[in-house]
Amino acid sequence: MIGILVMIAIVNPYMMLTTLFCGSFMYILTIIYLNTAQAIKRLEGVTRSPVFSHVSASMAGLFTVRACGAQDMLRAQFDDKQDVHTSAWYLTLVTNTAFSIYLSLFSALYVLIVAYTFLLMDDGKNFC
């Protein structure tokens, strides 16, 4: 990456402004993502704990549950807890995917700008 930046700076120093802009925008986007991802990961951990607690308590009192015929009630409670955890996990996956898409789009935009700048600023020299 440093080699590419040095080449761009040698060939067209004005492109360093575009590089600085894209780099700072990606840095800001990364900072926002890291703060958001940390909060979402914490939320996912908080919603995962009741699922494991429910399974553990259900397994410990399995004979009592069967004797009282409370399987359907426990299944409904588990489904509710699992739905909350699944929504938090899905939010984690969606946030990771969105971040990677935005970084890819801005990287592609930067490459596109650099390529068109080299094409538009052609000085007519042929190296062949």
C-alpha atoms as a PDB file:
ATOM      1  CA  MET A   1       0.000   0.000   0.000  1.00  0.00           C
ATOM      2  CA  ILE A   2       2.840   2.370   0.787  1.00  0.00           C
ATOM      3  CA  GLY A   3       4.386   1.582  -2.594  1.00  0.00           C
ATOM      4  CA  ILE A   4       1.138   2.423  -4.360  1.00  0.00           C
ATOM      5  CA  LEU A   5       0.815   5.693  -2.448  1.00  0.00           C
ATOM      6  CA  VAL A   6       4.418   6.636  -3.265  1.00  0.00           C
ATOM      7  CA  MET A   7       3.823   5.876  -6.954  1.00  0.00           C
ATOM      8  CA  ILE A   8       0.675   7.999  -6.982  1.00  0.00           C
ATOM      9  CA  ALA A   9       2.496  10.852  -5.218  1.00  0.00           C
ATOM     10  CA  ILE A  10       5.343  10.756  -7.753  1.00  0.00           C
ATOM     11  CA  VAL A  11       3.148  10.565 -10.833  1.00  0.00           C
ATOM     12  CA  ASN A  12       0.435  12.976  -9.707  1.00  0.00           C
ATOM     13  CA  PRO A  13       0.973  14.829  -6.420  1.00  0.00           C
ATOM     14  CA  TYR A  14      -2.531  16.293  -6.564  1.00  0.00           C
ATOM     15  CA  MET A  15      -3.947  12.808  -6.055  1.00  0.00           C
ATOM     16  CA  MET A  16      -2.604  12.894  -2.525  1.00  0.00           C
ATOM     17  CA  LEU A  17      -5.517  15.207  -1.719  1.00  0.00           C
ATOM     18  CA  THR A  18      -7.927  12.525  -2.888  1.00  0.00           C
ATOM     19  CA  THR A  19      -5.928   9.944  -0.971  1.00  0.00           C
ATOM     20  CA  LEU A  20      -6.064  12.043   2.175  1.00  0.00           C
ATOM     21  CA  PHE A  21      -9.818  12.598   1.787  1.00  0.00           C
ATOM     22  CA  CYS A  22     -10.604   8.918   1.163  1.00  0.00           C
ATOM     23  CA  GLY A  23      -8.243   7.783   3.907  1.00  0.00           C
ATOM     24  CA  SER A  24      -9.722  10.144   6.479  1.00  0.00           C
ATOM     25  CA  PHE A  25     -13.257   9.166   5.488  1.00  0.00           C
ATOM     26  CA  MET A  26     -12.404   5.471   5.847  1.00  0.00           C
ATOM     27  CA  TYR A  27     -10.778   6.165   9.212  1.00  0.00           C
ATOM     28  CA  ILE A  28     -13.891   7.971  10.471  1.00  0.00           C
ATOM     29  CA  LEU A  29     -16.077   5.153   9.151  1.00  0.00           C
ATOM     30  CA  THR A  30     -13.876   2.622  10.961  1.00  0.00           C
ATOM     31  CA  ILE A  31     -14.101   4.514  14.252  1.00  0.00           C
ATOM     32  CA  ILE A  32     -17.899   4.657  13.963  1.00  0.00           C
ATOM     33  CA  TYR A  33     -18.034   0.963  13.092  1.00  0.00           C
ATOM     34  CA  LEU A  34     -15.818  -0.090  15.995  1.00  0.00           C
ATOM     35  CA  ASN A  35     -17.941   1.791  18.526  1.00  0.00           C
ATOM     36  CA  THR A  36     -21.134   0.366  17.054  1.00  0.00           C
ATOM     37  CA  ALA A  37     -19.771  -3.169  16.755  1.00  0.00           C
ATOM     38  CA  GLN A  38     -18.612  -3.131  20.369  1.00  0.00           C
ATOM     39  CA  ALA A  39     -22.080  -2.094  21.585  1.00  0.00           C
ATOM     40  CA  ILE A  40     -23.800  -4.666  19.386  1.00  0.00           C
ATOM     41  CA  LYS A  41     -21.431  -7.426  20.513  1.00  0.00           C
ATOM     42  CA  ARG A  42     -22.179  -6.525  24.124  1.00  0.00           C
ATOM     43  CA  LEU A  43     -25.912  -6.676  23.354  1.00  0.00           C
ATOM     44  CA  GLU A  44     -25.461 -10.071  21.707  1.00  0.00           C
ATOM     45  CA  GLY A  45     -23.656 -11.375  24.792  1.00  0.00           C
ATOM     46  CA  VAL A  46     -26.405 -10.072  27.075  1.00  0.00           C
ATOM     47  CA  THR A  47     -29.110 -11.750  24.979  1.00  0.00           C
ATOM     48  CA  ARG A  48     -27.155 -15.016  24.768  1.00  0.00           C
ATOM     49  CA  SER A  49     -26.950 -15.479  28.523  1.00  0.00           C
ATOM     50  CA  PRO A  50     -30.699 -16.045  29.144  1.00  0.00           C
ATOM     51  CA  VAL A  51     -30.767 -18.715  26.434  1.00  0.00           C
ATOM     52  CA  PHE A  52     -28.023 -20.736  28.126  1.00  0.00           C
ATOM     53  CA  SER A  53     -29.542 -20.156  31.576  1.00  0.00           C
ATOM     54  CA  HIS A  54     -32.916 -21.373  30.346  1.00  0.00           C
ATOM     55  CA  VAL A  55     -31.424 -24.514  28.800  1.00  0.00           C
ATOM     56  CA  SER A  56     -29.409 -25.223  31.943  1.00  0.00           C
ATOM     57  CA  ALA A  57     -32.407 -24.741  34.237  1.00  0.00           C
ATOM     58  CA  SER A  58     -34.619 -26.850  31.954  1.00  0.00           C
ATOM     59  CA  MET A  59     -32.119 -29.689  31.953  1.00  0.00           C
ATOM     60  CA  ALA A  60     -31.760 -29.531  35.740  1.00  0.00           C
ATOM     61  CA  GLY A  61     -35.521 -29.692  36.280  1.00  0.00           C
ATOM     62  CA  LEU A  62     -36.349 -32.041  33.415  1.00  0.00           C
ATOM     63  CA  PHE A  63     -38.151 -34.597  35.593  1.00  0.00           C
ATOM     64  CA  THR A  64     -40.313 -31.889  37.171  1.00  0.00           C
ATOM     65  CA  VAL A  65     -41.115 -30.384  33.779  1.00  0.00           C
ATOM     66  CA  ARG A  66     -42.236 -33.735  32.412  1.00  0.00           C
ATOM     67  CA  ALA A  67     -44.205 -34.586  35.551  1.00  0.00           C
ATOM     68  CA  CYS A  68     -46.127 -31.276  35.362  1.00  0.00           C
ATOM     69  CA  GLY A  69     -46.531 -31.372  31.583  1.00  0.00           C
ATOM     70  CA  ALA A  70     -44.880 -27.962  31.146  1.00  0.00           C
ATOM     71  CA  GLN A  71     -42.987 -28.806  27.961  1.00  0.00           C
ATOM     72  CA  ASP A  72     -45.033 -26.432  25.800  1.00  0.00           C
ATOM     73  CA  MET A  73     -44.616 -23.542  28.233  1.00  0.00           C
ATOM     74  CA  LEU A  74     -40.839 -24.075  28.407  1.00  0.00           C
ATOM     75  CA  ARG A  75     -40.616 -24.408  24.620  1.00  0.00           C
ATOM     76  CA  ALA A  76     -42.450 -21.077  24.189  1.00  0.00           C
ATOM     77  CA  GLN A  77     -40.158 -19.370  26.714  1.00  0.00           C
ATOM     78  CA  PHE A  78     -37.091 -20.783  24.977  1.00  0.00           C
ATOM     79  CA  ASP A  79     -38.379 -19.638  21.589  1.00  0.00           C
ATOM     80  CA  ASP A  80     -38.877 -16.110  22.915  1.00  0.00           C
ATOM     81  CA  LYS A  81     -35.374 -15.968  24.391  1.00  0.00           C
ATOM     82  CA  GLN A  82     -33.876 -17.475  21.222  1.00  0.00           C
ATOM     83  CA  ASP A  83     -35.720 -14.962  19.025  1.00  0.00           C
ATOM     84  CA  VAL A  84     -34.224 -12.057  20.975  1.00  0.00           C
ATOM     85  CA  HIS A  85     -30.739 -13.570  20.733  1.00  0.00           C
ATOM     86  CA  THR A  86     -31.111 -14.331  17.037  1.00  0.00           C
ATOM     87  CA  SER A  87     -32.142 -10.754  16.301  1.00  0.00           C
ATOM     88  CA  ALA A  88     -29.051  -9.439  18.117  1.00  0.00           C
ATOM     89  CA  TRP A  89     -26.817 -11.929  16.279  1.00  0.00           C
ATOM     90  CA  TYR A  90     -28.379 -10.958  12.958  1.00  0.00           C
ATOM     91  CA  LEU A  91     -27.697  -7.302  13.762  1.00  0.00           C
ATOM     92  CA  THR A  92     -24.046  -8.211  14.323  1.00  0.00           C
ATOM     93  CA  LEU A  93     -23.825  -9.951  10.951  1.00  0.00           C
ATOM     94  CA  VAL A  94     -25.593  -7.137   9.121  1.00  0.00           C
ATOM     95  CA  THR A  95     -23.333  -4.503  10.684  1.00  0.00           C
ATOM     96  CA  ASN A  96     -20.190  -6.417   9.668  1.00  0.00           C
ATOM     97  CA  THR A  97     -21.494  -6.884   6.139  1.00  0.00           C
ATOM     98  CA  ALA A  98     -22.506  -3.233   5.760  1.00  0.00           C
ATOM     99  CA  PHE A  99     -19.100  -2.066   6.972  1.00  0.00           C
ATOM    100  CA  SER A 100     -17.278  -4.293   4.498  1.00  0.00           C
ATOM    101  CA  ILE A 101     -19.532  -3.160   1.654  1.00  0.00           C
ATOM    102  CA  TYR A 102     -18.951   0.532   2.419  1.00  0.00           C
ATOM    103  CA  LEU A 103     -15.197   0.063   2.654  1.00  0.00           C
ATOM    104  CA  SER A 104     -15.203  -1.834  -0.638  1.00  0.00           C
ATOM    105  CA  LEU A 105     -17.282   0.863  -2.322  1.00  0.00           C
ATOM    106  CA  PHE A 106     -15.005   3.670  -1.160  1.00  0.00           C
ATOM    107  CA  SER A 107     -11.920   1.699  -2.174  1.00  0.00           C
ATOM    108  CA  ALA A 108     -13.404   1.117  -5.625  1.00  0.00           C
ATOM    109  CA  LEU A 109     -14.337   4.805  -5.869  1.00  0.00           C
ATOM    110  CA  TYR A 110     -10.781   5.789  -4.992  1.00  0.00           C
ATOM    111  CA  VAL A 111      -9.326   3.428  -7.611  1.00  0.00           C
ATOM    112  CA  LEU A 112     -11.806   4.769 -10.167  1.00  0.00           C
ATOM    113  CA  ILE A 113     -10.820   8.370  -9.429  1.00  0.00           C
ATOM    114  CA  VAL A 114      -7.112   7.548  -9.667  1.00  0.00           C
ATOM    115  CA  ALA A 115      -7.565   5.640 -12.934  1.00  0.00           C
ATOM    116  CA  TYR A 116      -9.633   8.389 -14.581  1.00  0.00           C
ATOM    117  CA  THR A 117      -7.205  11.046 -13.389  1.00  0.00           C
ATOM    118  CA  PHE A 118      -4.333   9.189 -15.028  1.00  0.00           C
ATOM    119  CA  LEU A 119      -6.364   8.854 -18.224  1.00  0.00           C
ATOM    120  CA  LEU A 120      -7.492  12.488 -18.298  1.00  0.00           C
ATOM    121  CA  MET A 121      -4.066  13.911 -17.472  1.00  0.00           C
ATOM    122  CA  ASP A 122      -2.336  12.054 -20.315  1.00  0.00           C
ATOM    123  CA  ASP A 123       0.595  14.165 -21.528  1.00  0.00           C
ATOM    124  CA  GLY A 124       0.894  12.326 -24.838  1.00  0.00           C
ATOM    125  CA  LYS A 125       4.081  10.415 -24.053  1.00  0.00           C
ATOM    126  CA  ASN A 126       4.234   6.810 -25.209  1.00  0.00           C
ATOM    127  CA  PHE A 127       6.570   4.479 -23.392  1.00  0.00           C
ATOM    128  CA  CYS A 128       6.359   1.736 -25.983  1.00  0.00           C
END
